[in-house]
Amino acid sequence: MQGLEAGPSDAFWVGISQYPPGSSAGPSEVKAETVYVVLEGELTLDCQGRHVLGRHDSVRFQAGEHRRLVNESDADATLLVVIAK
């Protein structure tokens, strides 16, 4: 994968994140407008409550929101991430 600094786009960055069972991201603050789309599996999101996201579920964050993702399932999860620059 490439970092946010890579690529010619001036408006956004797109990447794929893999979450094996038991893995997590955060808690942390979202630095820019961000969209998550679950491509496969299931992820639990802690942001203004607790939400279970499944295949093709999506969520949008505003800059400054705090979130935490956890794969509490027994299967890998794949997440499409779009971040505004």
PDB file of N, CA and C in Angstrom:
ATOM      1  N   MET A   1       0.847  -1.187   0.000  1.00  0.00           N
ATOM      2  CA  MET A   1       0.000   0.000   0.000  1.00  0.00           C
ATOM      3  C   MET A   1       0.879   1.233   0.000  1.00  0.00           C
ATOM      4  N   GLN A   2       0.315   2.297  -0.419  1.00  0.00           N
ATOM      5  CA  GLN A   2       1.042   3.558  -0.447  1.00  0.00           C
ATOM      6  C   GLN A   2       0.487   4.486   0.624  1.00  0.00           C
ATOM      7  N   GLY A   3       1.318   5.392   1.050  1.00  0.00           N
ATOM      8  CA  GLY A   3       0.909   6.343   2.076  1.00  0.00           C
ATOM      9  C   GLY A   3       0.115   7.500   1.499  1.00  0.00           C
ATOM     10  N   LEU A   4      -0.387   8.371   2.366  1.00  0.00           N
ATOM     11  CA  LEU A   4      -1.185   9.513   1.933  1.00  0.00           C
ATOM     12  C   LEU A   4      -0.419  10.445   1.014  1.00  0.00           C
ATOM     13  N   GLU A   5       0.906  10.475   1.132  1.00  0.00           N
ATOM     14  CA  GLU A   5       1.707  11.382   0.317  1.00  0.00           C
ATOM     15  C   GLU A   5       1.910  10.871  -1.100  1.00  0.00           C
ATOM     16  N   ALA A   6       1.600   9.628  -1.369  1.00  0.00           N
ATOM     17  CA  ALA A   6       1.843   9.037  -2.682  1.00  0.00           C
ATOM     18  C   ALA A   6       0.656   9.259  -3.617  1.00  0.00           C
ATOM     19  N   GLY A   7       0.919   9.294  -4.899  1.00  0.00           N
ATOM     20  CA  GLY A   7      -0.137   9.397  -5.893  1.00  0.00           C
ATOM     21  C   GLY A   7      -0.407  10.816  -6.320  1.00  0.00           C
ATOM     22  N   PRO A   8      -0.995  10.965  -7.506  1.00  0.00           N
ATOM     23  CA  PRO A   8      -1.194  12.290  -8.080  1.00  0.00           C
ATOM     24  C   PRO A   8      -2.461  13.019  -7.645  1.00  0.00           C
ATOM     25  N   SER A   9      -3.337  12.404  -6.881  1.00  0.00           N
ATOM     26  CA  SER A   9      -4.603  13.029  -6.531  1.00  0.00           C
ATOM     27  C   SER A   9      -4.406  14.193  -5.562  1.00  0.00           C
ATOM     28  N   ASP A  10      -5.106  15.285  -5.843  1.00  0.00           N
ATOM     29  CA  ASP A  10      -5.066  16.449  -4.960  1.00  0.00           C
ATOM     30  C   ASP A  10      -6.227  16.465  -3.979  1.00  0.00           C
ATOM     31  N   ALA A  11      -7.228  15.617  -4.192  1.00  0.00           N
ATOM     32  CA  ALA A  11      -8.459  15.708  -3.420  1.00  0.00           C
ATOM     33  C   ALA A  11      -8.658  14.595  -2.404  1.00  0.00           C
ATOM     34  N   PHE A  12      -8.150  13.398  -2.675  1.00  0.00           N
ATOM     35  CA  PHE A  12      -8.432  12.282  -1.773  1.00  0.00           C
ATOM     36  C   PHE A  12      -7.380  11.201  -1.920  1.00  0.00           C
ATOM     37  N   TRP A  13      -7.405  10.262  -0.962  1.00  0.00           N
ATOM     38  CA  TRP A  13      -6.547   9.074  -0.975  1.00  0.00           C
ATOM     39  C   TRP A  13      -7.467   7.878  -0.789  1.00  0.00           C
ATOM     40  N   VAL A  14      -7.185   6.776  -1.472  1.00  0.00           N
ATOM     41  CA  VAL A  14      -7.977   5.556  -1.359  1.00  0.00           C
ATOM     42  C   VAL A  14      -7.038   4.405  -1.043  1.00  0.00           C
ATOM     43  N   GLY A  15      -7.412   3.585  -0.071  1.00  0.00           N
ATOM     44  CA  GLY A  15      -6.598   2.431   0.288  1.00  0.00           C
ATOM     45  C   GLY A  15      -7.460   1.310   0.825  1.00  0.00           C
ATOM     46  N   ILE A  16      -6.831   0.160   1.003  1.00  0.00           N
ATOM     47  CA  ILE A  16      -7.489  -1.028   1.551  1.00  0.00           C
ATOM     48  C   ILE A  16      -6.777  -1.398   2.850  1.00  0.00           C
ATOM     49  N   SER A  17      -7.533  -1.653   3.893  1.00  0.00           N
ATOM     50  CA  SER A  17      -6.970  -2.104   5.171  1.00  0.00           C
ATOM     51  C   SER A  17      -7.499  -3.499   5.471  1.00  0.00           C
ATOM     52  N   GLN A  18      -6.602  -4.364   5.920  1.00  0.00           N
ATOM     53  CA  GLN A  18      -6.960  -5.725   6.316  1.00  0.00           C
ATOM     54  C   GLN A  18      -6.977  -5.814   7.839  1.00  0.00           C
ATOM     55  N   TYR A  19      -7.999  -6.451   8.386  1.00  0.00           N
ATOM     56  CA  TYR A  19      -8.141  -6.628   9.824  1.00  0.00           C
ATOM     57  C   TYR A  19      -8.302  -8.116  10.131  1.00  0.00           C
ATOM     58  N   PRO A  20      -7.233  -8.795  10.552  1.00  0.00           N
ATOM     59  CA  PRO A  20      -7.375 -10.183  10.992  1.00  0.00           C
ATOM     60  C   PRO A  20      -8.205 -10.242  12.279  1.00  0.00           C
ATOM     61  N   PRO A  21      -8.733 -11.400  12.622  1.00  0.00           N
ATOM     62  CA  PRO A  21      -9.486 -11.529  13.876  1.00  0.00           C
ATOM     63  C   PRO A  21      -8.688 -10.982  15.062  1.00  0.00           C
ATOM     64  N   GLY A  22      -9.354 -10.197  15.893  1.00  0.00           N
ATOM     65  CA  GLY A  22      -8.740  -9.639  17.091  1.00  0.00           C
ATOM     66  C   GLY A  22      -7.973  -8.353  16.880  1.00  0.00           C
ATOM     67  N   SER A  23      -7.786  -7.913  15.648  1.00  0.00           N
ATOM     68  CA  SER A  23      -7.026  -6.690  15.404  1.00  0.00           C
ATOM     69  C   SER A  23      -7.916  -5.460  15.567  1.00  0.00           C
ATOM     70  N   SER A  24      -7.263  -4.290  15.702  1.00  0.00           N
ATOM     71  CA  SER A  24      -8.012  -3.059  15.921  1.00  0.00           C
ATOM     72  C   SER A  24      -7.241  -1.860  15.380  1.00  0.00           C
ATOM     73  N   ALA A  25      -7.943  -0.748  15.288  1.00  0.00           N
ATOM     74  CA  ALA A  25      -7.356   0.541  14.937  1.00  0.00           C
ATOM     75  C   ALA A  25      -7.954   1.580  15.866  1.00  0.00           C
ATOM     76  N   GLY A  26      -7.097   2.433  16.439  1.00  0.00           N
ATOM     77  CA  GLY A  26      -7.572   3.461  17.358  1.00  0.00           C
ATOM     78  C   GLY A  26      -7.613   2.938  18.778  1.00  0.00           C
ATOM     79  N   PRO A  27      -8.187   3.705  19.662  1.00  0.00           N
ATOM     80  CA  PRO A  27      -8.949   4.910  19.386  1.00  0.00           C
ATOM     81  C   PRO A  27      -8.040   6.052  18.918  1.00  0.00           C
ATOM     82  N   SER A  28      -8.559   6.806  17.958  1.00  0.00           N
ATOM     83  CA  SER A  28      -7.819   7.950  17.442  1.00  0.00           C
ATOM     84  C   SER A  28      -8.783   8.938  16.803  1.00  0.00           C
ATOM     85  N   GLU A  29      -8.257  10.135  16.573  1.00  0.00           N
ATOM     86  CA  GLU A  29      -9.024  11.208  15.951  1.00  0.00           C
ATOM     87  C   GLU A  29      -8.847  11.141  14.442  1.00  0.00           C
ATOM     88  N   VAL A  30      -9.938  11.291  13.720  1.00  0.00           N
ATOM     89  CA  VAL A  30      -9.887  11.348  12.265  1.00  0.00           C
ATOM     90  C   VAL A  30      -9.393  12.746  11.885  1.00  0.00           C
ATOM     91  N   LYS A  31      -8.329  12.816  11.085  1.00  0.00           N
ATOM     92  CA  LYS A  31      -7.695  14.103  10.756  1.00  0.00           C
ATOM     93  C   LYS A  31      -8.374  14.839   9.613  1.00  0.00           C
ATOM     94  N   ALA A  32      -9.076  14.119   8.732  1.00  0.00           N
ATOM     95  CA  ALA A  32      -9.769  14.719   7.592  1.00  0.00           C
ATOM     96  C   ALA A  32     -11.041  13.926   7.335  1.00  0.00           C
ATOM     97  N   GLU A  33     -11.944  14.483   6.538  1.00  0.00           N
ATOM     98  CA  GLU A  33     -13.157  13.751   6.191  1.00  0.00           C
ATOM     99  C   GLU A  33     -12.764  12.381   5.637  1.00  0.00           C
ATOM    100  N   THR A  34     -13.421  11.326   6.141  1.00  0.00           N
ATOM    101  CA  THR A  34     -13.048   9.956   5.817  1.00  0.00           C
ATOM    102  C   THR A  34     -14.302   9.108   5.614  1.00  0.00           C
ATOM    103  N   VAL A  35     -14.231   8.188   4.667  1.00  0.00           N
ATOM    104  CA  VAL A  35     -15.310   7.231   4.429  1.00  0.00           C
ATOM    105  C   VAL A  35     -14.735   5.828   4.526  1.00  0.00           C
ATOM    106  N   TYR A  36     -15.422   4.946   5.237  1.00  0.00           N
ATOM    107  CA  TYR A  36     -15.081   3.530   5.320  1.00  0.00           C
ATOM    108  C   TYR A  36     -16.190   2.738   4.629  1.00  0.00           C
ATOM    109  N   VAL A  37     -15.801   1.711   3.864  1.00  0.00           N
ATOM    110  CA  VAL A  37     -16.745   0.754   3.290  1.00  0.00           C
ATOM    111  C   VAL A  37     -16.204  -0.639   3.596  1.00  0.00           C
ATOM    112  N   VAL A  38     -16.988  -1.440   4.286  1.00  0.00           N
ATOM    113  CA  VAL A  38     -16.574  -2.812   4.585  1.00  0.00           C
ATOM    114  C   VAL A  38     -16.784  -3.649   3.322  1.00  0.00           C
ATOM    115  N   LEU A  39     -15.701  -4.218   2.809  1.00  0.00           N
ATOM    116  CA  LEU A  39     -15.778  -5.046   1.600  1.00  0.00           C
ATOM    117  C   LEU A  39     -16.058  -6.500   1.932  1.00  0.00           C
ATOM    118  N   GLU A  40     -15.472  -6.980   3.017  1.00  0.00           N
ATOM    119  CA  GLU A  40     -15.665  -8.364   3.463  1.00  0.00           C
ATOM    120  C   GLU A  40     -15.582  -8.406   4.981  1.00  0.00           C
ATOM    121  N   GLY A  41     -16.296  -9.327   5.588  1.00  0.00           N
ATOM    122  CA  GLY A  41     -16.204  -9.530   7.028  1.00  0.00           C
ATOM    123  C   GLY A  41     -17.075  -8.584   7.823  1.00  0.00           C
ATOM    124  N   GLU A  42     -16.661  -8.388   9.075  1.00  0.00           N
ATOM    125  CA  GLU A  42     -17.448  -7.613  10.035  1.00  0.00           C
ATOM    126  C   GLU A  42     -16.502  -6.856  10.952  1.00  0.00           C
ATOM    127  N   LEU A  43     -16.792  -5.590  11.197  1.00  0.00           N
ATOM    128  CA  LEU A  43     -15.993  -4.761  12.105  1.00  0.00           C
ATOM    129  C   LEU A  43     -16.919  -4.056  13.085  1.00  0.00           C
ATOM    130  N   THR A  44     -16.474  -3.941  14.327  1.00  0.00           N
ATOM    131  CA  THR A  44     -17.221  -3.207  15.337  1.00  0.00           C
ATOM    132  C   THR A  44     -16.621  -1.812  15.441  1.00  0.00           C
ATOM    133  N   LEU A  45     -17.472  -0.806  15.298  1.00  0.00           N
ATOM    134  CA  LEU A  45     -17.063   0.595  15.330  1.00  0.00           C
ATOM    135  C   LEU A  45     -17.548   1.227  16.622  1.00  0.00           C
ATOM    136  N   ASP A  46     -16.638   1.862  17.343  1.00  0.00           N
ATOM    137  CA  ASP A  46     -16.990   2.685  18.498  1.00  0.00           C
ATOM    138  C   ASP A  46     -16.828   4.138  18.079  1.00  0.00           C
ATOM    139  N   CYS A  47     -17.964   4.811  17.848  1.00  0.00           N
ATOM    140  CA  CYS A  47     -18.002   6.225  17.477  1.00  0.00           C
ATOM    141  C   CYS A  47     -19.434   6.680  17.681  1.00  0.00           C
ATOM    142  N   GLN A  48     -19.653   7.520  18.653  1.00  0.00           N
ATOM    143  CA  GLN A  48     -21.012   7.942  18.986  1.00  0.00           C
ATOM    144  C   GLN A  48     -21.905   6.725  19.192  1.00  0.00           C
ATOM    145  N   GLY A  49     -21.405   5.780  19.943  1.00  0.00           N
ATOM    146  CA  GLY A  49     -22.098   4.525  20.190  1.00  0.00           C
ATOM    147  C   GLY A  49     -21.321   3.373  19.592  1.00  0.00           C
ATOM    148  N   ARG A  50     -21.879   2.198  19.738  1.00  0.00           N
ATOM    149  CA  ARG A  50     -21.218   0.973  19.257  1.00  0.00           C
ATOM    150  C   ARG A  50     -22.044   0.420  18.105  1.00  0.00           C
ATOM    151  N   HIS A  51     -21.389   0.172  16.958  1.00  0.00           N
ATOM    152  CA  HIS A  51     -22.081  -0.265  15.752  1.00  0.00           C
ATOM    153  C   HIS A  51     -21.325  -1.425  15.120  1.00  0.00           C
ATOM    154  N   VAL A  52     -22.042  -2.437  14.679  1.00  0.00           N
ATOM    155  CA  VAL A  52     -21.429  -3.553  13.960  1.00  0.00           C
ATOM    156  C   VAL A  52     -21.643  -3.299  12.469  1.00  0.00           C
ATOM    157  N   LEU A  53     -20.530  -3.228  11.729  1.00  0.00           N
ATOM    158  CA  LEU A  53     -20.568  -2.986  10.301  1.00  0.00           C
ATOM    159  C   LEU A  53     -20.286  -4.282   9.560  1.00  0.00           C
ATOM    160  N   GLY A  54     -21.140  -4.637   8.629  1.00  0.00           N
ATOM    161  CA  GLY A  54     -20.965  -5.835   7.828  1.00  0.00           C
ATOM    162  C   GLY A  54     -20.672  -5.486   6.383  1.00  0.00           C
ATOM    163  N   ARG A  55     -20.617  -6.498   5.561  1.00  0.00           N
ATOM    164  CA  ARG A  55     -20.283  -6.337   4.145  1.00  0.00           C
ATOM    165  C   ARG A  55     -21.151  -5.265   3.487  1.00  0.00           C
ATOM    166  N   HIS A  56     -20.490  -4.323   2.828  1.00  0.00           N
ATOM    167  CA  HIS A  56     -21.078  -3.213   2.087  1.00  0.00           C
ATOM    168  C   HIS A  56     -21.664  -2.120   2.972  1.00  0.00           C
ATOM    169  N   ASP A  57     -21.519  -2.217   4.296  1.00  0.00           N
ATOM    170  CA  ASP A  57     -21.892  -1.101   5.163  1.00  0.00           C
ATOM    171  C   ASP A  57     -20.828  -0.019   5.027  1.00  0.00           C
ATOM    172  N   SER A  58     -21.255   1.222   5.174  1.00  0.00           N
ATOM    173  CA  SER A  58     -20.308   2.338   5.089  1.00  0.00           C
ATOM    174  C   SER A  58     -20.587   3.342   6.189  1.00  0.00           C
ATOM    175  N   VAL A  59     -19.576   4.173   6.449  1.00  0.00           N
ATOM    176  CA  VAL A  59     -19.700   5.218   7.457  1.00  0.00           C
ATOM    177  C   VAL A  59     -18.820   6.389   7.026  1.00  0.00           C
ATOM    178  N   ARG A  60     -19.275   7.595   7.319  1.00  0.00           N
ATOM    179  CA  ARG A  60     -18.528   8.816   7.015  1.00  0.00           C
ATOM    180  C   ARG A  60     -18.184   9.516   8.321  1.00  0.00           C
ATOM    181  N   PHE A  61     -16.934   9.972   8.410  1.00  0.00           N
ATOM    182  CA  PHE A  61     -16.470  10.714   9.580  1.00  0.00           C
ATOM    183  C   PHE A  61     -16.112  12.132   9.171  1.00  0.00           C
ATOM    184  N   GLN A  62     -16.409  13.070  10.040  1.00  0.00           N
ATOM    185  CA  GLN A  62     -15.936  14.438   9.869  1.00  0.00           C
ATOM    186  C   GLN A  62     -14.565  14.554  10.526  1.00  0.00           C
ATOM    187  N   ALA A  63     -13.766  15.481  10.062  1.00  0.00           N
ATOM    188  CA  ALA A  63     -12.480  15.744  10.706  1.00  0.00           C
ATOM    189  C   ALA A  63     -12.731  16.049  12.181  1.00  0.00           C
ATOM    190  N   GLY A  64     -11.919  15.475  13.047  1.00  0.00           N
ATOM    191  CA  GLY A  64     -12.029  15.705  14.481  1.00  0.00           C
ATOM    192  C   GLY A  64     -12.817  14.652  15.238  1.00  0.00           C
ATOM    193  N   GLU A  65     -13.564  13.808  14.546  1.00  0.00           N
ATOM    194  CA  GLU A  65     -14.299  12.743  15.236  1.00  0.00           C
ATOM    195  C   GLU A  65     -13.326  11.682  15.741  1.00  0.00           C
ATOM    196  N   HIS A  66     -13.679  11.056  16.856  1.00  0.00           N
ATOM    197  CA  HIS A  66     -12.872   9.972  17.409  1.00  0.00           C
ATOM    198  C   HIS A  66     -13.556   8.649  17.103  1.00  0.00           C
ATOM    199  N   ARG A  67     -12.726   7.653  16.754  1.00  0.00           N
ATOM    200  CA  ARG A  67     -13.285   6.353  16.417  1.00  0.00           C
ATOM    201  C   ARG A  67     -12.314   5.242  16.806  1.00  0.00           C
ATOM    202  N   ARG A  68     -12.869   4.057  16.939  1.00  0.00           N
ATOM    203  CA  ARG A  68     -12.083   2.845  17.168  1.00  0.00           C
ATOM    204  C   ARG A  68     -12.755   1.719  16.392  1.00  0.00           C
ATOM    205  N   LEU A  69     -11.961   0.922  15.692  1.00  0.00           N
ATOM    206  CA  LEU A  69     -12.451  -0.240  14.954  1.00  0.00           C
ATOM    207  C   LEU A  69     -11.847  -1.492  15.553  1.00  0.00           C
ATOM    208  N   VAL A  70     -12.653  -2.550  15.677  1.00  0.00           N
ATOM    209  CA  VAL A  70     -12.168  -3.830  16.196  1.00  0.00           C
ATOM    210  C   VAL A  70     -12.794  -4.947  15.376  1.00  0.00           C
ATOM    211  N   ASN A  71     -11.982  -5.921  15.013  1.00  0.00           N
ATOM    212  CA  ASN A  71     -12.518  -7.128  14.393  1.00  0.00           C
ATOM    213  C   ASN A  71     -12.721  -8.147  15.512  1.00  0.00           C
ATOM    214  N   GLU A  72     -13.954  -8.256  15.959  1.00  0.00           N
ATOM    215  CA  GLU A  72     -14.299  -9.174  17.044  1.00  0.00           C
ATOM    216  C   GLU A  72     -14.752 -10.533  16.515  1.00  0.00           C
ATOM    217  N   SER A  73     -14.711 -10.716  15.217  1.00  0.00           N
ATOM    218  CA  SER A  73     -15.169 -11.969  14.616  1.00  0.00           C
ATOM    219  C   SER A  73     -14.011 -12.958  14.478  1.00  0.00           C
ATOM    220  N   ASP A  74     -14.327 -14.127  13.935  1.00  0.00           N
ATOM    221  CA  ASP A  74     -13.319 -15.170  13.712  1.00  0.00           C
ATOM    222  C   ASP A  74     -12.804 -15.176  12.274  1.00  0.00           C
ATOM    223  N   ALA A  75     -13.197 -14.170  11.469  1.00  0.00           N
ATOM    224  CA  ALA A  75     -12.800 -14.119  10.059  1.00  0.00           C
ATOM    225  C   ALA A  75     -12.115 -12.787   9.760  1.00  0.00           C
ATOM    226  N   ASP A  76     -11.290 -12.777   8.728  1.00  0.00           N
ATOM    227  CA  ASP A  76     -10.651 -11.532   8.293  1.00  0.00           C
ATOM    228  C   ASP A  76     -11.709 -10.539   7.827  1.00  0.00           C
ATOM    229  N   ALA A  77     -11.397  -9.248   7.965  1.00  0.00           N
ATOM    230  CA  ALA A  77     -12.255  -8.181   7.448  1.00  0.00           C
ATOM    231  C   ALA A  77     -11.404  -7.294   6.540  1.00  0.00           C
ATOM    232  N   THR A  78     -12.026  -6.804   5.468  1.00  0.00           N
ATOM    233  CA  THR A  78     -11.360  -5.919   4.523  1.00  0.00           C
ATOM    234  C   THR A  78     -12.131  -4.626   4.458  1.00  0.00           C
ATOM    235  N   LEU A  79     -11.406  -3.503   4.573  1.00  0.00           N
ATOM    236  CA  LEU A  79     -12.013  -2.188   4.649  1.00  0.00           C
ATOM    237  C   LEU A  79     -11.454  -1.295   3.553  1.00  0.00           C
ATOM    238  N   LEU A  80     -12.333  -0.683   2.756  1.00  0.00           N
ATOM    239  CA  LEU A  80     -11.952   0.344   1.808  1.00  0.00           C
ATOM    240  C   LEU A  80     -11.967   1.671   2.548  1.00  0.00           C
ATOM    241  N   VAL A  81     -10.886   2.436   2.435  1.00  0.00           N
ATOM    242  CA  VAL A  81     -10.756   3.705   3.155  1.00  0.00           C
ATOM    243  C   VAL A  81     -10.548   4.825   2.131  1.00  0.00           C
ATOM    244  N   VAL A  82     -11.365   5.887   2.239  1.00  0.00           N
ATOM    245  CA  VAL A  82     -11.224   7.062   1.397  1.00  0.00           C
ATOM    246  C   VAL A  82     -11.029   8.254   2.327  1.00  0.00           C
ATOM    247  N   ILE A  83      -9.907   8.957   2.166  1.00  0.00           N
ATOM    248  CA  ILE A  83      -9.577  10.091   3.028  1.00  0.00           C
ATOM    249  C   ILE A  83      -9.397  11.342   2.172  1.00  0.00           C
ATOM    250  N   ALA A  84     -10.095  12.418   2.534  1.00  0.00           N
ATOM    251  CA  ALA A  84      -9.934  13.693   1.841  1.00  0.00           C
ATOM    252  C   ALA A  84      -8.550  14.252   2.181  1.00  0.00           C
ATOM    253  N   LYS A  85      -7.929  14.893   1.215  1.00  0.00           N
ATOM    254  CA  LYS A  85      -6.624  15.539   1.458  1.00  0.00           C
ATOM    255  C   LYS A  85      -6.821  16.993   1.801  1.00  0.00           C
TER     256      LYS A  85
END
